[in-house]
């Protein structure tokens, strides 16, 4: 994909089976990133839209999942053992089944074509797994640490914010990365809510437009694919240690 993206079109047509380009060109990335008014595909704006939606989804999902996961892991209430099963059971319903009801609801609320509305959909889509991931980690935090904080005068919310969350940093990073990847790559709901608003398209919509374009060279399509992939790869490499700790922590409890 990367090699094809820097391969001149003339070389691709002359030697379709060749892997290594004899000379590299970066003009394909210019064509992808420049706005449509300058003859490009406008991926730079789409990157900003995708980043805005994905980061908002991460923040809102963690804000909702942290208290829910802590309550399931620490508090005792009726049906506590069934909460996790009920959350994960939501994934038995395919996204296509929810598409039409969500479209109708968001249209009535005036959120159709809104990046904020799309972020809310991603939050609802990722909170169940986020609660499950964080619950397993919170269950491994020693109760003695929380009891010591309580003896020092901390309330339960203060204990969570000052003691539990710093200890849960690896799990928070892993959960946040999971939400980010889901929101960054999602296509169905982005198409459903934003298809009529080209200025608010995400990268996945832009890439689909390139794939369906008759006059778009395949080298430009490959450059768009690289642009979609690189941010996620960079995040994985930057948070590799935290990701490994977060995914393996609490495995004996999960």
Protein backbone atom coordinates (compact mmCIF):
# COMPACT_ATOMS: atom_id res chain seq x y z
CA UNK A 1 0.00 0.00 0.00
CA UNK A 2 2.76 2.44 0.94
CA UNK A 3 4.90 1.48 -2.04
CA UNK A 4 2.00 1.85 -4.46
CA UNK A 5 1.14 5.26 -3.02
CA UNK A 6 4.56 6.69 -3.98
CA UNK A 7 4.73 4.95 -7.37
CA UNK A 8 4.16 7.18 -10.42
CA UNK A 9 1.08 6.27 -12.44
CA UNK A 10 3.20 5.77 -15.55
CA UNK A 11 5.28 3.10 -13.82
CA UNK A 12 2.16 1.40 -12.49
CA UNK A 13 0.65 1.20 -15.98
CA UNK A 14 3.90 0.04 -17.57
CA UNK A 15 4.63 -2.59 -14.91
CA UNK A 16 1.44 -3.43 -12.95
CA UNK A 17 3.08 -6.37 -11.18
CA UNK A 18 6.17 -4.49 -10.06
CA UNK A 19 6.45 -3.88 -6.33
CA UNK A 20 9.37 -1.48 -5.88
CA UNK A 21 9.09 1.89 -7.65
CA UNK A 22 12.10 2.97 -9.68
CA UNK A 23 11.50 6.52 -8.48
CA UNK A 24 9.20 7.76 -5.74
CA UNK A 25 6.75 10.62 -5.98
CA UNK A 26 4.90 12.29 -3.13
CA UNK A 27 2.48 14.18 -5.36
CA UNK A 28 -0.22 11.62 -4.57
CA UNK A 29 -0.28 12.78 -0.95
CA UNK A 30 -0.54 16.38 -2.08
CA UNK A 31 -3.50 15.42 -4.27
CA UNK A 32 -5.14 13.64 -1.35
CA UNK A 33 -4.61 16.31 1.32
CA UNK A 34 -5.29 19.50 -0.64
CA UNK A 35 -8.85 20.88 -0.55
CA UNK A 36 -11.15 20.30 -3.51
CA UNK A 37 -10.92 23.99 -4.42
CA UNK A 38 -7.19 23.45 -5.08
CA UNK A 39 -7.68 20.28 -7.10
CA UNK A 40 -7.24 17.84 -4.21
CA UNK A 41 -9.49 15.43 -2.38
CA UNK A 42 -9.83 17.42 0.86
CA UNK A 43 -8.47 14.75 3.19
CA UNK A 44 -6.85 17.31 5.48
CA UNK A 45 -10.26 18.62 6.55
CA UNK A 46 -11.54 15.04 6.84
CA UNK A 47 -8.62 14.18 9.12
CA UNK A 48 -9.63 17.06 11.37
CA UNK A 49 -13.25 15.89 11.42
CA UNK A 50 -12.24 12.30 12.21
CA UNK A 51 -9.88 13.43 14.97
CA UNK A 52 -12.54 15.68 16.51
CA UNK A 53 -15.20 12.95 16.51
CA UNK A 54 -12.81 10.24 17.73
CA UNK A 55 -11.34 12.29 20.58
CA UNK A 56 -14.80 13.43 21.68
CA UNK A 57 -15.97 9.82 21.66
CA UNK A 58 -12.96 8.77 23.76
CA UNK A 59 -13.56 11.49 26.35
CA UNK A 60 -17.30 10.85 26.63
CA UNK A 61 -16.95 7.06 26.63
CA UNK A 62 -14.39 7.13 29.45
CA UNK A 63 -16.50 9.65 31.36
CA UNK A 64 -19.44 7.24 31.21
CA UNK A 65 -17.51 3.97 31.56
CA UNK A 66 -15.31 4.81 34.57
CA UNK A 67 -18.12 5.26 37.15
CA UNK A 68 -20.06 2.36 35.64
CA UNK A 69 -17.09 0.00 35.73
CA UNK A 70 -16.15 1.06 39.26
CA UNK A 71 -19.71 0.52 40.47
CA UNK A 72 -19.82 -2.98 38.97
CA UNK A 73 -16.40 -3.85 40.40
CA UNK A 74 -16.80 -2.42 43.90
CA UNK A 75 -20.41 -1.75 44.85
CA UNK A 76 -22.93 -4.41 45.79
CA UNK A 77 -26.41 -4.10 44.30
CA UNK A 78 -29.13 -6.34 42.92
CA UNK A 79 -28.23 -7.78 39.52
CA UNK A 80 -24.57 -6.82 39.81
CA UNK A 81 -23.32 -10.08 38.31
CA UNK A 82 -25.66 -9.76 35.33
CA UNK A 83 -24.73 -6.22 34.36
CA UNK A 84 -21.68 -7.25 32.36
CA UNK A 85 -23.64 -9.91 30.51
CA UNK A 86 -26.41 -7.45 29.68
CA UNK A 87 -23.91 -4.88 28.40
CA UNK A 88 -22.15 -7.36 26.15
CA UNK A 89 -25.50 -8.80 24.99
CA UNK A 90 -26.08 -5.50 23.20
CA UNK A 91 -23.49 -6.61 20.65
CA UNK A 92 -25.80 -9.43 19.57
CA UNK A 93 -27.75 -6.81 17.63
CA UNK A 94 -26.06 -5.82 14.34
CA UNK A 95 -25.41 -2.16 13.64
CA UNK A 96 -27.67 -2.28 10.58
CA UNK A 97 -30.61 -3.09 12.87
CA UNK A 98 -30.06 0.14 14.80
CA UNK A 99 -29.31 2.33 11.79
CA UNK A 100 -32.87 3.29 10.82
CA UNK A 101 -34.16 3.98 14.38
CA UNK A 102 -31.09 6.09 15.15
CA UNK A 103 -31.49 8.00 11.89
CA UNK A 104 -35.13 8.80 12.70
CA UNK A 105 -34.33 9.85 16.29
CA UNK A 106 -31.41 12.06 15.29
CA UNK A 107 -33.41 13.64 12.46
CA UNK A 108 -36.16 14.60 14.92
CA UNK A 109 -33.59 15.99 17.36
CA UNK A 110 -31.94 18.01 14.62
CA UNK A 111 -28.62 16.19 15.02
CA UNK A 112 -28.50 14.73 11.53
CA UNK A 113 -25.35 15.96 9.81
CA UNK A 114 -23.75 16.81 13.16
CA UNK A 115 -20.30 15.63 14.21
CA UNK A 116 -21.43 15.84 17.83
CA UNK A 117 -24.35 13.52 17.14
CA UNK A 118 -22.02 11.05 15.45
CA UNK A 119 -19.73 11.11 18.49
CA UNK A 120 -22.72 10.28 20.72
CA UNK A 121 -23.48 7.25 18.54
CA UNK A 122 -19.89 6.05 18.90
CA UNK A 123 -20.07 6.48 22.66
CA UNK A 124 -23.20 4.32 22.83
CA UNK A 125 -21.47 1.79 20.60
CA UNK A 126 -18.31 1.48 22.70
CA UNK A 127 -19.39 2.03 26.32
CA UNK A 128 -20.40 -1.62 26.99
CA UNK A 129 -16.97 -3.03 26.09
CA UNK A 130 -15.28 -0.09 27.83
CA UNK A 131 -17.13 -0.91 31.06
CA UNK A 132 -16.13 -4.56 30.73
CA UNK A 133 -12.45 -3.72 30.16
CA UNK A 134 -12.23 -1.24 33.03
CA UNK A 135 -14.19 -3.43 35.43
CA UNK A 136 -11.61 -6.21 35.15
CA UNK A 137 -8.83 -3.79 36.07
CA UNK A 138 -10.69 -2.08 38.92
CA UNK A 139 -11.32 -5.50 40.44
CA UNK A 140 -7.54 -6.03 40.76
CA UNK A 141 -6.91 -2.78 42.68
CA UNK A 142 -6.32 -3.75 46.35
CA UNK A 143 -9.16 -2.70 48.60
CA UNK A 144 -6.60 -1.74 51.24
CA UNK A 145 -5.48 1.18 49.08
CA UNK A 146 -9.00 2.55 48.97
CA UNK A 147 -9.51 1.93 52.68
CA UNK A 148 -6.32 3.85 53.45
CA UNK A 149 -7.58 6.76 51.35
CA UNK A 150 -10.90 6.66 53.23
CA UNK A 151 -9.04 6.81 56.56
CA UNK A 152 -7.23 9.90 55.28
CA UNK A 153 -10.60 11.57 54.81
CA UNK A 154 -11.20 10.97 51.11
CA UNK A 155 -14.76 10.44 49.95
CA UNK A 156 -15.46 7.70 47.43
CA UNK A 157 -15.34 10.07 44.41
CA UNK A 158 -12.06 11.52 45.71
CA UNK A 159 -10.67 8.01 46.17
CA UNK A 160 -11.57 7.12 42.60
CA UNK A 161 -10.03 10.30 41.17
CA UNK A 162 -6.89 10.46 43.33
CA UNK A 163 -6.09 6.79 43.91
CA UNK A 164 -7.87 4.39 41.58
CA UNK A 165 -7.59 6.27 38.28
CA UNK A 166 -3.80 6.86 38.53
CA UNK A 167 -3.36 3.14 39.20
CA UNK A 168 -5.66 2.35 36.28
CA UNK A 169 -3.75 4.48 33.75
CA UNK A 170 -2.72 1.48 31.57
CA UNK A 171 -6.30 0.22 31.39
CA UNK A 172 -7.60 3.71 30.65
CA UNK A 173 -5.09 4.03 27.82
CA UNK A 174 -6.08 0.66 26.36
CA UNK A 175 -9.78 1.47 26.60
CA UNK A 176 -9.31 4.92 25.12
CA UNK A 177 -7.32 3.48 22.23
CA UNK A 178 -10.04 0.90 21.60
CA UNK A 179 -12.70 3.63 21.43
CA UNK A 180 -10.51 5.79 19.20
CA UNK A 181 -9.90 3.01 16.68
CA UNK A 182 -13.60 2.14 16.51
CA UNK A 183 -14.59 5.77 15.97
CA UNK A 184 -11.76 6.46 13.51
CA UNK A 185 -12.54 3.52 11.22
CA UNK A 186 -16.36 3.44 11.49
CA UNK A 187 -18.18 3.88 8.19
CA UNK A 188 -21.88 2.93 8.39
CA UNK A 189 -23.12 5.60 10.81
CA UNK A 190 -20.79 8.22 9.34
CA UNK A 191 -22.35 7.56 5.93
CA UNK A 192 -25.85 7.59 7.38
CA UNK A 193 -25.53 10.90 9.23
CA UNK A 194 -23.01 12.87 7.17
CA UNK A 195 -23.55 11.86 3.54
CA UNK A 196 -25.40 15.12 2.81
CA UNK A 197 -22.68 17.26 4.46
CA UNK A 198 -19.42 16.85 2.46
CA UNK A 199 -17.71 19.49 4.59
CA UNK A 200 -18.17 17.27 7.67
CA UNK A 201 -17.08 13.97 6.12
CA UNK A 202 -14.67 11.74 8.01
CA UNK A 203 -11.68 9.99 6.46
CA UNK A 204 -13.54 6.71 6.03
CA UNK A 205 -16.17 8.46 3.91
CA UNK A 206 -13.50 10.19 1.86
CA UNK A 207 -11.73 6.91 1.23
CA UNK A 208 -14.97 5.30 0.05
CA UNK A 209 -15.45 8.21 -2.34
CA UNK A 210 -11.96 7.62 -3.73
CA UNK A 211 -12.62 3.90 -4.12
CA UNK A 212 -15.78 4.60 -6.10
CA UNK A 213 -14.25 7.29 -8.29
CA UNK A 214 -13.73 6.36 -11.93
CA UNK A 215 -11.08 9.00 -12.66
CA UNK A 216 -9.13 8.59 -9.41
CA UNK A 217 -5.74 6.86 -9.94
CA UNK A 218 -5.11 3.83 -7.78
CA UNK A 219 -1.95 5.47 -6.46
CA UNK A 220 -4.09 8.28 -5.00
CA UNK A 221 -6.41 5.67 -3.48
CA UNK A 222 -3.43 3.97 -1.84
CA UNK A 223 -2.23 7.34 -0.51
CA UNK A 224 -5.67 7.88 1.03
CA UNK A 225 -5.49 4.44 2.64
CA UNK A 226 -2.11 5.29 4.15
CA UNK A 227 -3.46 8.59 5.49
CA UNK A 228 -6.32 6.67 7.15
CA UNK A 229 -3.99 4.06 8.65
CA UNK A 230 -0.98 6.08 9.85
CA UNK A 231 -2.61 7.89 12.85
CA UNK A 232 -3.81 4.60 14.35
CA UNK A 233 -0.42 2.93 13.80
CA UNK A 234 1.38 5.87 15.43
CA UNK A 235 -0.95 5.72 18.44
CA UNK A 236 -0.40 1.98 18.82
CA UNK A 237 3.37 2.40 18.71
CA UNK A 238 3.32 5.33 21.14
CA UNK A 239 1.10 3.54 23.65
CA UNK A 240 2.41 0.00 23.11
CA UNK A 241 3.55 -0.53 26.70
CA UNK A 242 0.41 0.93 28.25
CA UNK A 243 -1.72 -1.02 25.80
CA UNK A 244 -0.07 -4.33 26.69
CA UNK A 245 -0.44 -3.64 30.42
CA UNK A 246 -4.04 -2.52 30.06
CA UNK A 247 -5.13 -5.53 28.01
CA UNK A 248 -3.42 -8.10 30.23
CA UNK A 249 -4.26 -6.53 33.59
CA UNK A 250 -7.08 -8.29 35.32
CA UNK A 251 -6.93 -11.20 32.88
CA UNK A 252 -7.24 -13.67 35.73
CA UNK A 253 -10.44 -11.92 36.80
CA UNK A 254 -11.88 -11.52 33.29
